Amino acid sequence: MAEYRPSLTTEGREGLKAEIFLYDTLPGGAGFSSQLVGSGKELFERALKLMRTCPENCDASCYRCLRSFKNKMEHRLLDRHVGAALIDYLLTGHLPEFDAQRLQQSTDLLFNDLLRQGLAGVTFEANAQIIIKDVGKRTVPIVALLGDGARFVIALSGPLTNDYPAAPSLNTVLAEADDLETIVINELLVRGNLPAATREVRQRLGV
């Protein structure tokens, strides 16, 4: 079995470092966990492969990848895509691109919920093409157009990169446009609490 806890260090007290530990479940121990000393990198690599290649290609977690009877109380919290992104970062020091299909699904969820609000004086468009001065047409996930002519780009961040659009190409688009305001919503918030995500967008739009 494996568990984690805050590291017993200054970084741990500040929420910046955690310890992962393995242990045998038999009384007195069977000696299996002690055989893994020095195999941390291999364990992380195998965990990464497990999460990226789930045989069921599940949306977040299932019994073929992360779920078991013993962790049933945490099933709603398990997300192999987020776990894969975290482990990839731990192994390489670089944040990978978040799963594009999952990102599109979450963007669609947010867009449809914004439409359901029926907000007066606001028009939403998905996969919208916008014209950037001196650059030309670019595609963005969602555009909100207000009655006074103000334009907002609405995009999702990866779960581990709050406030930064998950799609690298979008960062380039936004850097080219100085007449656009950007609203970035965390993908996990959309999936875990869609009303809160929509409410945050409305507050940022001022409607």
C-alpha atoms as a PDB file:
ATOM      1  CA  MET A   1       0.000   0.000   0.000  1.00  0.00           C
ATOM      2  CA  ALA A   2       1.020   3.622  -0.404  1.00  0.00           C
ATOM      3  CA  GLU A   3       0.107   6.817   1.415  1.00  0.00           C
ATOM      4  CA  TYR A   4       1.334  10.412   1.491  1.00  0.00           C
ATOM      5  CA  ARG A   5       1.706  13.152   4.057  1.00  0.00           C
ATOM      6  CA  PRO A   6       3.205  16.628   4.312  1.00  0.00           C
ATOM      7  CA  SER A   7       6.966  16.460   4.549  1.00  0.00           C
ATOM      8  CA  LEU A   8       8.326  16.987   8.053  1.00  0.00           C
ATOM      9  CA  THR A   9      10.271  20.003   6.846  1.00  0.00           C
ATOM     10  CA  THR A  10       9.753  23.731   6.464  1.00  0.00           C
ATOM     11  CA  GLU A  11       8.585  23.134   2.877  1.00  0.00           C
ATOM     12  CA  GLY A  12       6.097  20.570   4.142  1.00  0.00           C
ATOM     13  CA  ARG A  13       4.612  23.009   6.635  1.00  0.00           C
ATOM     14  CA  GLU A  14       4.172  25.497   3.795  1.00  0.00           C
ATOM     15  CA  GLY A  15       2.455  22.923   1.604  1.00  0.00           C
ATOM     16  CA  LEU A  16       5.352  22.735  -0.864  1.00  0.00           C
ATOM     17  CA  LYS A  17       6.658  19.230  -0.218  1.00  0.00           C
ATOM     18  CA  ALA A  18       5.016  15.873   0.415  1.00  0.00           C
ATOM     19  CA  GLU A  19       6.347  12.449   1.343  1.00  0.00           C
ATOM     20  CA  ILE A  20       5.087   9.268  -0.327  1.00  0.00           C
ATOM     21  CA  PHE A  21       5.671   6.082   1.602  1.00  0.00           C
ATOM     22  CA  LEU A  22       5.040   2.401   0.904  1.00  0.00           C
ATOM     23  CA  TYR A  23       4.301  -0.246   3.508  1.00  0.00           C
ATOM     24  CA  ASP A  24       3.448  -3.929   3.780  1.00  0.00           C
ATOM     25  CA  THR A  25      -0.068  -4.786   4.926  1.00  0.00           C
ATOM     26  CA  LEU A  26       0.779  -8.009   6.740  1.00  0.00           C
ATOM     27  CA  PRO A  27       1.488  -7.775  10.479  1.00  0.00           C
ATOM     28  CA  GLY A  28       5.232  -7.451  10.903  1.00  0.00           C
ATOM     29  CA  GLY A  29       5.641  -6.816   7.181  1.00  0.00           C
ATOM     30  CA  ALA A  30       6.290  -9.249   4.329  1.00  0.00           C
ATOM     31  CA  GLY A  31       9.435  -7.492   3.147  1.00  0.00           C
ATOM     32  CA  PHE A  32       8.025  -6.412  -0.197  1.00  0.00           C
ATOM     33  CA  SER A  33       8.146  -2.666   0.388  1.00  0.00           C
ATOM     34  CA  SER A  34      11.769  -2.778   1.571  1.00  0.00           C
ATOM     35  CA  GLN A  35      12.736  -4.334  -1.773  1.00  0.00           C
ATOM     36  CA  LEU A  36      11.622  -1.150  -3.511  1.00  0.00           C
ATOM     37  CA  VAL A  37      14.221   1.073  -1.867  1.00  0.00           C
ATOM     38  CA  GLY A  38      16.087   2.803  -4.672  1.00  0.00           C
ATOM     39  CA  SER A  39      13.369   2.086  -7.270  1.00  0.00           C
ATOM     40  CA  GLY A  40      11.472   5.351  -6.893  1.00  0.00           C
ATOM     41  CA  LYS A  41      12.039   6.511 -10.462  1.00  0.00           C
ATOM     42  CA  GLU A  42      10.872   3.171 -11.883  1.00  0.00           C
ATOM     43  CA  LEU A  43       7.748   3.248  -9.696  1.00  0.00           C
ATOM     44  CA  PHE A  44       6.856   6.734 -10.936  1.00  0.00           C
ATOM     45  CA  GLU A  45       7.455   5.700 -14.551  1.00  0.00           C
ATOM     46  CA  ARG A  46       5.209   2.645 -14.182  1.00  0.00           C
ATOM     47  CA  ALA A  47       2.521   4.739 -12.500  1.00  0.00           C
ATOM     48  CA  LEU A  48       2.720   7.238 -15.373  1.00  0.00           C
ATOM     49  CA  LYS A  49       2.305   4.466 -17.943  1.00  0.00           C
ATOM     50  CA  LEU A  50      -0.662   3.037 -16.036  1.00  0.00           C
ATOM     51  CA  MET A  51      -2.470   6.368 -16.008  1.00  0.00           C
ATOM     52  CA  ARG A  52      -1.744   7.194 -19.646  1.00  0.00           C
ATOM     53  CA  THR A  53      -2.690   3.802 -21.065  1.00  0.00           C
ATOM     54  CA  CYS A  54      -5.832   2.804 -19.155  1.00  0.00           C
ATOM     55  CA  PRO A  55      -7.342  -0.174 -21.090  1.00  0.00           C
ATOM     56  CA  GLU A  56     -10.811   1.335 -20.670  1.00  0.00           C
ATOM     57  CA  ASN A  57      -9.657   4.803 -21.745  1.00  0.00           C
ATOM     58  CA  CYS A  58     -11.792   6.105 -18.876  1.00  0.00           C
ATOM     59  CA  ASP A  59     -12.625   9.764 -18.438  1.00  0.00           C
ATOM     60  CA  ALA A  60     -11.094  10.126 -14.973  1.00  0.00           C
ATOM     61  CA  SER A  61     -10.596   6.785 -13.197  1.00  0.00           C
ATOM     62  CA  CYS A  62     -11.878   3.229 -13.191  1.00  0.00           C
ATOM     63  CA  TYR A  63     -11.083  -0.227 -11.797  1.00  0.00           C
ATOM     64  CA  ARG A  64      -8.660  -0.871 -14.667  1.00  0.00           C
ATOM     65  CA  CYS A  65      -6.341   1.929 -13.607  1.00  0.00           C
ATOM     66  CA  LEU A  66      -6.700   3.787 -10.278  1.00  0.00           C
ATOM     67  CA  ARG A  67      -9.755   2.490  -8.460  1.00  0.00           C
ATOM     68  CA  SER A  68      -9.861  -0.386  -5.997  1.00  0.00           C
ATOM     69  CA  PHE A  69     -12.114  -1.483  -3.168  1.00  0.00           C
ATOM     70  CA  LYS A  70      -9.651  -0.077  -0.649  1.00  0.00           C
ATOM     71  CA  ASN A  71      -9.768   3.463  -2.061  1.00  0.00           C
ATOM     72  CA  LYS A  72     -13.524   3.545  -2.672  1.00  0.00           C
ATOM     73  CA  MET A  73     -13.925   6.602  -0.414  1.00  0.00           C
ATOM     74  CA  GLU A  74     -11.654   8.571  -2.774  1.00  0.00           C
ATOM     75  CA  HIS A  75     -13.067   7.432  -6.124  1.00  0.00           C
ATOM     76  CA  ARG A  76     -14.602  10.823  -6.907  1.00  0.00           C
ATOM     77  CA  LEU A  77     -11.210  12.471  -6.309  1.00  0.00           C
ATOM     78  CA  LEU A  78      -9.135  10.173  -8.519  1.00  0.00           C
ATOM     79  CA  ASP A  79      -8.223  11.593 -11.912  1.00  0.00           C
ATOM     80  CA  ARG A  80      -5.632   9.816 -14.024  1.00  0.00           C
ATOM     81  CA  HIS A  81      -5.109  12.792 -16.368  1.00  0.00           C
ATOM     82  CA  VAL A  82      -4.197  15.090 -13.493  1.00  0.00           C
ATOM     83  CA  GLY A  83      -2.032  12.394 -11.938  1.00  0.00           C
ATOM     84  CA  ALA A  84      -0.198  11.828 -15.214  1.00  0.00           C
ATOM     85  CA  ALA A  85       0.507  15.540 -15.584  1.00  0.00           C
ATOM     86  CA  LEU A  86       1.881  15.724 -12.042  1.00  0.00           C
ATOM     87  CA  ILE A  87       4.133  12.670 -12.384  1.00  0.00           C
ATOM     88  CA  ASP A  88       5.389  13.827 -15.776  1.00  0.00           C
ATOM     89  CA  TYR A  89       6.386  17.104 -14.151  1.00  0.00           C
ATOM     90  CA  LEU A  90       8.095  15.322 -11.252  1.00  0.00           C
ATOM     91  CA  LEU A  91      10.095  13.161 -13.666  1.00  0.00           C
ATOM     92  CA  THR A  92      11.028  15.779 -16.250  1.00  0.00           C
ATOM     93  CA  GLY A  93      10.646  19.181 -14.619  1.00  0.00           C
ATOM     94  CA  HIS A  94       8.410  20.279 -17.504  1.00  0.00           C
ATOM     95  CA  LEU A  95       4.641  20.636 -17.484  1.00  0.00           C
ATOM     96  CA  PRO A  96       3.167  18.571 -20.334  1.00  0.00           C
ATOM     97  CA  GLU A  97       0.232  19.623 -22.460  1.00  0.00           C
ATOM     98  CA  PHE A  98      -3.038  18.595 -20.873  1.00  0.00           C
ATOM     99  CA  ASP A  99      -5.120  15.947 -22.648  1.00  0.00           C
ATOM    100  CA  ALA A 100      -6.651  17.785 -25.642  1.00  0.00           C
ATOM    101  CA  GLN A 101      -9.815  15.677 -25.840  1.00  0.00           C
ATOM    102  CA  ARG A 102     -10.562  16.093 -22.161  1.00  0.00           C
ATOM    103  CA  LEU A 103      -9.879  19.838 -22.439  1.00  0.00           C
ATOM    104  CA  GLN A 104     -12.351  20.159 -25.313  1.00  0.00           C
ATOM    105  CA  GLN A 105     -15.020  18.231 -23.412  1.00  0.00           C
ATOM    106  CA  SER A 106     -14.676  20.527 -20.415  1.00  0.00           C
ATOM    107  CA  THR A 107     -14.708  23.617 -22.644  1.00  0.00           C
ATOM    108  CA  ASP A 108     -17.974  22.371 -24.178  1.00  0.00           C
ATOM    109  CA  LEU A 109     -19.448  21.864 -20.698  1.00  0.00           C
ATOM    110  CA  LEU A 110     -18.659  25.442 -19.710  1.00  0.00           C
ATOM    111  CA  PHE A 111     -19.848  26.900 -23.018  1.00  0.00           C
ATOM    112  CA  ASN A 112     -23.211  25.114 -22.874  1.00  0.00           C
ATOM    113  CA  ASP A 113     -23.754  26.179 -19.271  1.00  0.00           C
ATOM    114  CA  LEU A 114     -23.001  29.796 -20.171  1.00  0.00           C
ATOM    115  CA  LEU A 115     -25.571  29.604 -22.953  1.00  0.00           C
ATOM    116  CA  ARG A 116     -28.158  28.236 -20.520  1.00  0.00           C
ATOM    117  CA  GLN A 117     -27.810  31.371 -18.407  1.00  0.00           C
ATOM    118  CA  GLY A 118     -29.574  33.427 -21.094  1.00  0.00           C
ATOM    119  CA  LEU A 119     -27.552  36.500 -20.204  1.00  0.00           C
ATOM    120  CA  ALA A 120     -28.986  39.673 -21.744  1.00  0.00           C
ATOM    121  CA  GLY A 121     -26.513  41.694 -23.761  1.00  0.00           C
ATOM    122  CA  VAL A 122     -23.891  38.915 -23.934  1.00  0.00           C
ATOM    123  CA  THR A 123     -23.167  36.689 -26.922  1.00  0.00           C
ATOM    124  CA  PHE A 124     -21.051  33.553 -26.591  1.00  0.00           C
ATOM    125  CA  GLU A 125     -19.357  31.735 -29.450  1.00  0.00           C
ATOM    126  CA  ALA A 126     -17.374  28.490 -29.248  1.00  0.00           C
ATOM    127  CA  ASN A 127     -14.263  27.798 -31.331  1.00  0.00           C
ATOM    128  CA  ALA A 128     -14.545  31.372 -32.463  1.00  0.00           C
ATOM    129  CA  GLN A 129     -12.392  33.037 -35.054  1.00  0.00           C
ATOM    130  CA  ILE A 130     -11.278  36.477 -34.031  1.00  0.00           C
ATOM    131  CA  ILE A 131      -9.400  39.097 -36.003  1.00  0.00           C
ATOM    132  CA  ILE A 132      -6.314  40.498 -34.337  1.00  0.00           C
ATOM    133  CA  LYS A 133      -5.009  43.782 -35.635  1.00  0.00           C
ATOM    134  CA  ASP A 134      -1.886  43.406 -37.777  1.00  0.00           C
ATOM    135  CA  VAL A 135      -2.016  39.619 -37.319  1.00  0.00           C
ATOM    136  CA  GLY A 136      -5.201  38.260 -38.894  1.00  0.00           C
ATOM    137  CA  LYS A 137      -7.621  35.500 -37.905  1.00  0.00           C
ATOM    138  CA  ARG A 138      -7.025  33.273 -34.914  1.00  0.00           C
ATOM    139  CA  THR A 139      -9.213  30.605 -33.282  1.00  0.00           C
ATOM    140  CA  VAL A 140      -9.977  30.707 -29.552  1.00  0.00           C
ATOM    141  CA  PRO A 141     -12.071  28.342 -27.348  1.00  0.00           C
ATOM    142  CA  ILE A 142     -14.859  30.741 -26.334  1.00  0.00           C
ATOM    143  CA  VAL A 143     -15.502  34.399 -27.046  1.00  0.00           C
ATOM    144  CA  ALA A 144     -17.902  36.552 -25.051  1.00  0.00           C
ATOM    145  CA  LEU A 145     -19.053  39.706 -26.801  1.00  0.00           C
ATOM    146  CA  LEU A 146     -20.723  42.347 -24.640  1.00  0.00           C
ATOM    147  CA  GLY A 147     -23.205  44.939 -25.812  1.00  0.00           C
ATOM    148  CA  ASP A 148     -20.683  47.748 -25.392  1.00  0.00           C
ATOM    149  CA  GLY A 149     -18.314  46.016 -27.823  1.00  0.00           C
ATOM    150  CA  ALA A 150     -15.940  44.564 -25.219  1.00  0.00           C
ATOM    151  CA  ARG A 151     -14.491  41.161 -26.140  1.00  0.00           C
ATOM    152  CA  PHE A 152     -13.399  38.491 -23.712  1.00  0.00           C
ATOM    153  CA  VAL A 153     -11.618  35.235 -24.495  1.00  0.00           C
ATOM    154  CA  ILE A 154     -12.628  32.434 -22.135  1.00  0.00           C
ATOM    155  CA  ALA A 155     -10.202  29.530 -21.860  1.00  0.00           C
ATOM    156  CA  LEU A 156      -9.404  26.694 -19.485  1.00  0.00           C
ATOM    157  CA  SER A 157      -6.183  26.126 -17.627  1.00  0.00           C
ATOM    158  CA  GLY A 158      -4.796  22.706 -16.841  1.00  0.00           C
ATOM    159  CA  PRO A 159      -5.438  21.519 -13.267  1.00  0.00           C
ATOM    160  CA  LEU A 160      -1.821  22.231 -12.298  1.00  0.00           C
ATOM    161  CA  THR A 161      -1.355  25.518 -14.161  1.00  0.00           C
ATOM    162  CA  ASN A 162      -3.942  27.865 -12.736  1.00  0.00           C
ATOM    163  CA  ASP A 163      -4.334  31.191 -14.607  1.00  0.00           C
ATOM    164  CA  TYR A 164      -2.501  29.965 -17.719  1.00  0.00           C
ATOM    165  CA  PRO A 165      -4.403  28.619 -20.762  1.00  0.00           C
ATOM    166  CA  ALA A 166      -3.719  24.906 -21.209  1.00  0.00           C
ATOM    167  CA  ALA A 167      -3.359  25.150 -24.988  1.00  0.00           C
ATOM    168  CA  PRO A 168       0.142  26.513 -25.789  1.00  0.00           C
ATOM    169  CA  SER A 169      -1.046  27.982 -29.084  1.00  0.00           C
ATOM    170  CA  LEU A 170      -3.566  30.109 -27.211  1.00  0.00           C
ATOM    171  CA  ASN A 171      -0.832  31.808 -25.217  1.00  0.00           C
ATOM    172  CA  THR A 172       0.679  32.954 -28.502  1.00  0.00           C
ATOM    173  CA  VAL A 173      -2.686  34.274 -29.698  1.00  0.00           C
ATOM    174  CA  LEU A 174      -3.260  36.229 -26.514  1.00  0.00           C
ATOM    175  CA  ALA A 175       0.235  37.695 -26.632  1.00  0.00           C
ATOM    176  CA  GLU A 176      -0.531  39.060 -30.094  1.00  0.00           C
ATOM    177  CA  ALA A 177      -3.806  40.731 -29.069  1.00  0.00           C
ATOM    178  CA  ASP A 178      -3.724  43.823 -26.900  1.00  0.00           C
ATOM    179  CA  ASP A 179      -7.457  44.557 -27.206  1.00  0.00           C
ATOM    180  CA  LEU A 180      -8.695  41.316 -25.615  1.00  0.00           C
ATOM    181  CA  GLU A 181      -9.350  40.521 -21.997  1.00  0.00           C
ATOM    182  CA  THR A 182      -8.853  36.913 -20.970  1.00  0.00           C
ATOM    183  CA  ILE A 183     -10.753  34.836 -18.431  1.00  0.00           C
ATOM    184  CA  VAL A 184      -8.978  31.610 -17.496  1.00  0.00           C
ATOM    185  CA  ILE A 185     -10.920  28.975 -15.539  1.00  0.00           C
ATOM    186  CA  ASN A 186      -9.334  25.859 -14.041  1.00  0.00           C
ATOM    187  CA  GLU A 187     -10.435  22.688 -15.829  1.00  0.00           C
ATOM    188  CA  LEU A 188     -10.961  20.859 -12.537  1.00  0.00           C
ATOM    189  CA  LEU A 189     -13.390  23.534 -11.359  1.00  0.00           C
ATOM    190  CA  VAL A 190     -15.448  23.081 -14.519  1.00  0.00           C
ATOM    191  CA  ARG A 191     -15.646  19.337 -14.029  1.00  0.00           C
ATOM    192  CA  GLY A 192     -16.047  19.375 -10.260  1.00  0.00           C
ATOM    193  CA  ASN A 193     -18.247  22.431  -9.722  1.00  0.00           C
ATOM    194  CA  LEU A 194     -19.669  23.743 -12.983  1.00  0.00           C
ATOM    195  CA  PRO A 195     -22.006  26.305 -11.335  1.00  0.00           C
ATOM    196  CA  ALA A 196     -19.016  27.860  -9.544  1.00  0.00           C
ATOM    197  CA  ALA A 197     -17.051  28.008 -12.809  1.00  0.00           C
ATOM    198  CA  THR A 198     -19.937  29.707 -14.589  1.00  0.00           C
ATOM    199  CA  ARG A 199     -20.410  32.105 -11.693  1.00  0.00           C
ATOM    200  CA  GLU A 200     -16.736  33.085 -11.866  1.00  0.00           C
ATOM    201  CA  VAL A 201     -17.056  33.845 -15.588  1.00  0.00           C
ATOM    202  CA  ARG A 202     -20.158  35.977 -14.957  1.00  0.00           C
ATOM    203  CA  GLN A 203     -18.394  37.929 -12.218  1.00  0.00           C
ATOM    204  CA  ARG A 204     -15.428  38.595 -14.483  1.00  0.00           C
ATOM    205  CA  LEU A 205     -17.792  39.738 -17.247  1.00  0.00           C
ATOM    206  CA  GLY A 206     -19.698  41.909 -14.811  1.00  0.00           C
ATOM    207  CA  VAL A 207     -23.092  40.417 -15.700  1.00  0.00           C
END
